[in-house]
Every structure is written in C-alpha cells, then in structure tokens.
Amino acid sequence: MTIDQVIKHFGNHSRACHAIGLPHQSYYNWVRQGYVSINSQFAFEEVTNKKLKVDLKDYIEVMRERYEETKRDYKNFKPKKGQ
C-alpha cells in the first residue's frame, strides 16, 4: 500500500498512525523512506479488514534504487594513497 492510500483511507496522517498505535511522527519516517513500513502495512491491513492490503512494490522499488546507488558509489570509490 502507498502512503497516499493510507492517508486517503484515514483522512490524515495523525488518524492513520493512531489507528495502529503509532505516534503521528511515524508518518514522516514513511515519507523519508519512500514507503509505508512493512510492519505498519500489516497493521493497517488488519485494522481495515483488508481494505488496505500489504503491497511490497514501493518497498522493493526503494531498495532497488538504494542498491543501484550503492553500486555506483562503490564503482566510483577511489581509496586515498596509503590505504
């Protein structure tokens, strides 16, 4: 599920987080990460009786992007003399 789907279902981020027992600041972690955390997705699926469903596409996409960035960084890494 996407962040937008969660907000649309609950009306705002504070209500969404409250529904699964998290502080509203958790929302900002999702935004920074680029996806609703996996544990939160399972909790939302449960409290909405599966109206919102776990979907790992966003998570996988973000992880793939991070992997590619790491590969690029490693490829461009040049150790300093003496290392």
N, C-alpha and C. Protein backbone atom coordinates (compact mmCIF):
# COMPACT_ATOMS: atom_id res chain seq x y z
N MET A 1 0.84 -1.18 0.00
CA MET A 1 0.00 0.00 0.00
C MET A 1 0.88 1.24 0.00
N THR A 2 0.38 2.28 -0.56
CA THR A 2 1.14 3.52 -0.64
C THR A 2 0.77 4.44 0.52
N ILE A 3 1.60 5.43 0.75
CA ILE A 3 1.33 6.43 1.78
C ILE A 3 0.02 7.15 1.43
N ASP A 4 -0.16 7.47 0.17
CA ASP A 4 -1.39 8.17 -0.26
C ASP A 4 -2.64 7.34 0.02
N GLN A 5 -2.57 6.04 -0.20
CA GLN A 5 -3.72 5.17 0.08
C GLN A 5 -4.08 5.19 1.56
N VAL A 6 -3.07 5.17 2.41
CA VAL A 6 -3.29 5.19 3.86
C VAL A 6 -3.95 6.50 4.26
N ILE A 7 -3.43 7.61 3.77
CA ILE A 7 -3.98 8.93 4.12
C ILE A 7 -5.40 9.08 3.59
N LYS A 8 -5.64 8.63 2.39
CA LYS A 8 -6.99 8.70 1.82
C LYS A 8 -7.97 7.90 2.67
N HIS A 9 -7.56 6.73 3.12
CA HIS A 9 -8.46 5.87 3.91
C HIS A 9 -8.79 6.50 5.26
N PHE A 10 -7.79 7.05 5.93
CA PHE A 10 -7.99 7.55 7.30
C PHE A 10 -8.27 9.05 7.38
N GLY A 11 -8.02 9.78 6.31
CA GLY A 11 -8.31 11.21 6.31
C GLY A 11 -7.09 12.08 6.55
N ASN A 12 -6.20 11.65 7.44
CA ASN A 12 -4.95 12.37 7.67
C ASN A 12 -3.93 11.45 8.33
N HIS A 13 -2.71 11.91 8.39
CA HIS A 13 -1.65 11.04 8.89
C HIS A 13 -1.76 10.76 10.39
N SER A 14 -2.27 11.72 11.12
CA SER A 14 -2.40 11.53 12.57
C SER A 14 -3.40 10.42 12.90
N ARG A 15 -4.54 10.44 12.24
CA ARG A 15 -5.55 9.39 12.46
C ARG A 15 -5.05 8.02 12.01
N ALA A 16 -4.30 8.02 10.90
CA ALA A 16 -3.75 6.75 10.39
C ALA A 16 -2.81 6.14 11.43
N CYS A 17 -1.90 6.93 11.91
CA CYS A 17 -0.94 6.42 12.89
C CYS A 17 -1.63 5.99 14.18
N HIS A 18 -2.58 6.78 14.63
CA HIS A 18 -3.33 6.45 15.85
C HIS A 18 -4.07 5.11 15.70
N ALA A 19 -4.57 4.83 14.52
CA ALA A 19 -5.34 3.60 14.28
C ALA A 19 -4.51 2.34 14.54
N ILE A 20 -3.19 2.46 14.37
CA ILE A 20 -2.33 1.28 14.59
C ILE A 20 -1.40 1.47 15.79
N GLY A 21 -1.70 2.49 16.60
CA GLY A 21 -0.96 2.68 17.84
C GLY A 21 0.43 3.28 17.69
N LEU A 22 0.64 4.05 16.65
CA LEU A 22 1.93 4.70 16.45
C LEU A 22 1.81 6.20 16.67
N PRO A 23 2.91 6.85 17.08
CA PRO A 23 2.87 8.31 17.15
C PRO A 23 2.79 8.89 15.74
N HIS A 24 2.18 10.07 15.61
CA HIS A 24 1.98 10.62 14.27
C HIS A 24 3.30 10.91 13.55
N GLN A 25 4.41 11.01 14.29
CA GLN A 25 5.70 11.25 13.67
C GLN A 25 6.14 10.08 12.77
N SER A 26 5.56 8.91 12.98
CA SER A 26 5.89 7.75 12.15
C SER A 26 5.63 8.05 10.67
N TYR A 27 4.62 8.85 10.42
CA TYR A 27 4.29 9.24 9.05
C TYR A 27 5.50 9.85 8.35
N TYR A 28 6.22 10.69 9.06
CA TYR A 28 7.36 11.37 8.45
C TYR A 28 8.49 10.38 8.14
N ASN A 29 8.59 9.32 8.92
CA ASN A 29 9.55 8.26 8.60
C ASN A 29 9.17 7.59 7.29
N TRP A 30 7.89 7.34 7.10
CA TRP A 30 7.44 6.71 5.85
C TRP A 30 7.77 7.61 4.67
N VAL A 31 7.50 8.90 4.82
CA VAL A 31 7.76 9.84 3.73
C VAL A 31 9.26 9.87 3.43
N ARG A 32 10.08 9.94 4.47
CA ARG A 32 11.54 9.97 4.29
C ARG A 32 12.03 8.70 3.62
N GLN A 33 11.46 7.55 4.04
CA GLN A 33 11.85 6.25 3.47
C GLN A 33 11.33 6.06 2.06
N GLY A 34 10.16 6.62 1.79
CA GLY A 34 9.54 6.46 0.48
C GLY A 34 8.50 5.35 0.44
N TYR A 35 8.17 4.77 1.58
CA TYR A 35 7.17 3.70 1.64
C TYR A 35 6.66 3.54 3.07
N VAL A 36 5.46 2.95 3.18
CA VAL A 36 4.90 2.60 4.49
C VAL A 36 5.66 1.38 4.98
N SER A 37 6.15 1.44 6.22
CA SER A 37 6.94 0.31 6.72
C SER A 37 6.14 -0.99 6.63
N ILE A 38 6.87 -2.07 6.52
CA ILE A 38 6.24 -3.38 6.35
C ILE A 38 5.36 -3.71 7.55
N ASN A 39 5.88 -3.49 8.76
CA ASN A 39 5.07 -3.77 9.96
C ASN A 39 3.80 -2.93 9.98
N SER A 40 3.91 -1.67 9.59
CA SER A 40 2.73 -0.81 9.56
C SER A 40 1.74 -1.28 8.50
N GLN A 41 2.23 -1.75 7.37
CA GLN A 41 1.32 -2.26 6.34
C GLN A 41 0.51 -3.44 6.88
N PHE A 42 1.17 -4.36 7.57
CA PHE A 42 0.42 -5.50 8.13
C PHE A 42 -0.61 -5.02 9.15
N ALA A 43 -0.24 -4.03 9.95
CA ALA A 43 -1.18 -3.50 10.95
C ALA A 43 -2.37 -2.82 10.28
N PHE A 44 -2.11 -2.02 9.23
CA PHE A 44 -3.20 -1.36 8.51
C PHE A 44 -4.11 -2.39 7.84
N GLU A 45 -3.53 -3.43 7.29
CA GLU A 45 -4.35 -4.47 6.68
C GLU A 45 -5.30 -5.07 7.71
N GLU A 46 -4.79 -5.29 8.91
CA GLU A 46 -5.62 -5.89 9.97
C GLU A 46 -6.72 -4.94 10.44
N VAL A 47 -6.36 -3.68 10.74
CA VAL A 47 -7.38 -2.76 11.29
C VAL A 47 -8.40 -2.32 10.26
N THR A 48 -8.10 -2.47 8.97
CA THR A 48 -9.06 -2.09 7.93
C THR A 48 -9.79 -3.30 7.37
N ASN A 49 -9.63 -4.45 8.00
CA ASN A 49 -10.24 -5.68 7.49
C ASN A 49 -9.90 -5.89 6.01
N LYS A 50 -8.65 -5.67 5.70
CA LYS A 50 -8.07 -5.88 4.36
C LYS A 50 -8.58 -4.92 3.29
N LYS A 51 -9.17 -3.78 3.71
CA LYS A 51 -9.49 -2.75 2.72
C LYS A 51 -8.19 -2.15 2.18
N LEU A 52 -7.20 -2.06 3.06
CA LEU A 52 -5.84 -1.73 2.63
C LEU A 52 -5.06 -3.03 2.70
N LYS A 53 -4.31 -3.31 1.65
CA LYS A 53 -3.60 -4.59 1.59
C LYS A 53 -2.09 -4.37 1.50
N VAL A 54 -1.38 -5.28 2.14
CA VAL A 54 0.07 -5.23 2.08
C VAL A 54 0.51 -5.32 0.62
N ASP A 55 1.40 -4.40 0.24
CA ASP A 55 1.93 -4.37 -1.11
C ASP A 55 3.38 -3.92 -1.00
N LEU A 56 4.28 -4.77 -1.39
CA LEU A 56 5.70 -4.51 -1.21
C LEU A 56 6.35 -3.82 -2.41
N LYS A 57 5.57 -3.42 -3.40
CA LYS A 57 6.14 -2.82 -4.61
C LYS A 57 6.97 -1.57 -4.29
N ASP A 58 6.41 -0.64 -3.49
CA ASP A 58 7.14 0.58 -3.16
C ASP A 58 8.42 0.27 -2.40
N TYR A 59 8.32 -0.66 -1.45
CA TYR A 59 9.49 -1.06 -0.67
C TYR A 59 10.58 -1.64 -1.58
N ILE A 60 10.18 -2.54 -2.46
CA ILE A 60 11.14 -3.17 -3.37
C ILE A 60 11.77 -2.12 -4.29
N GLU A 61 10.97 -1.20 -4.79
CA GLU A 61 11.49 -0.16 -5.67
C GLU A 61 12.53 0.69 -4.96
N VAL A 62 12.24 1.09 -3.72
CA VAL A 62 13.18 1.90 -2.96
C VAL A 62 14.46 1.12 -2.68
N MET A 63 14.32 -0.15 -2.30
CA MET A 63 15.50 -0.97 -2.03
C MET A 63 16.35 -1.16 -3.29
N ARG A 64 15.70 -1.31 -4.43
CA ARG A 64 16.43 -1.45 -5.70
C ARG A 64 17.20 -0.17 -6.01
N GLU A 65 16.56 0.99 -5.80
CA GLU A 65 17.23 2.27 -6.03
C GLU A 65 18.45 2.42 -5.12
N ARG A 66 18.27 2.06 -3.85
CA ARG A 66 19.39 2.15 -2.90
C ARG A 66 20.52 1.22 -3.31
N TYR A 67 20.19 0.04 -3.77
CA TYR A 67 21.20 -0.91 -4.23
C TYR A 67 21.98 -0.32 -5.40
N GLU A 68 21.26 0.26 -6.36
CA GLU A 68 21.93 0.84 -7.53
C GLU A 68 22.82 2.01 -7.11
N GLU A 69 22.37 2.83 -6.16
CA GLU A 69 23.19 3.93 -5.67
C GLU A 69 24.47 3.40 -5.02
N THR A 70 24.33 2.35 -4.24
CA THR A 70 25.48 1.75 -3.57
C THR A 70 26.46 1.21 -4.59
N LYS A 71 25.95 0.56 -5.62
CA LYS A 71 26.82 0.05 -6.69
C LYS A 71 27.59 1.18 -7.35
N ARG A 72 26.88 2.27 -7.66
CA ARG A 72 27.54 3.42 -8.30
C ARG A 72 28.60 4.00 -7.38
N ASP A 73 28.25 4.16 -6.10
CA ASP A 73 29.21 4.72 -5.14
C ASP A 73 30.44 3.84 -5.02
N TYR A 74 30.24 2.54 -4.97
CA TYR A 74 31.35 1.61 -4.84
C TYR A 74 32.22 1.63 -6.09
N LYS A 75 31.57 1.70 -7.24
CA LYS A 75 32.29 1.70 -8.52
C LYS A 75 33.17 2.95 -8.64
N ASN A 76 32.67 4.06 -8.10
CA ASN A 76 33.39 5.33 -8.20
C ASN A 76 34.35 5.57 -7.04
N PHE A 77 34.40 4.64 -6.10
CA PHE A 77 35.25 4.80 -4.93
C PHE A 77 36.73 4.65 -5.31
N LYS A 78 37.51 5.62 -4.88
CA LYS A 78 38.95 5.56 -5.11
C LYS A 78 39.62 5.74 -3.74
N PRO A 79 40.31 4.71 -3.27
CA PRO A 79 40.96 4.85 -1.96
C PRO A 79 42.07 5.90 -2.00
N LYS A 80 42.28 6.53 -0.85
CA LYS A 80 43.35 7.51 -0.74
C LYS A 80 44.68 6.78 -0.72
N LYS A 81 45.71 7.47 -1.13
CA LYS A 81 47.05 6.86 -1.14
C LYS A 81 47.40 6.40 0.27
N GLY A 82 48.00 5.22 0.34
CA GLY A 82 48.41 4.67 1.64
C GLY A 82 47.32 3.83 2.31
N GLN A 83 46.19 3.67 1.67
CA GLN A 83 45.11 2.85 2.26
C GLN A 83 45.04 1.52 1.59
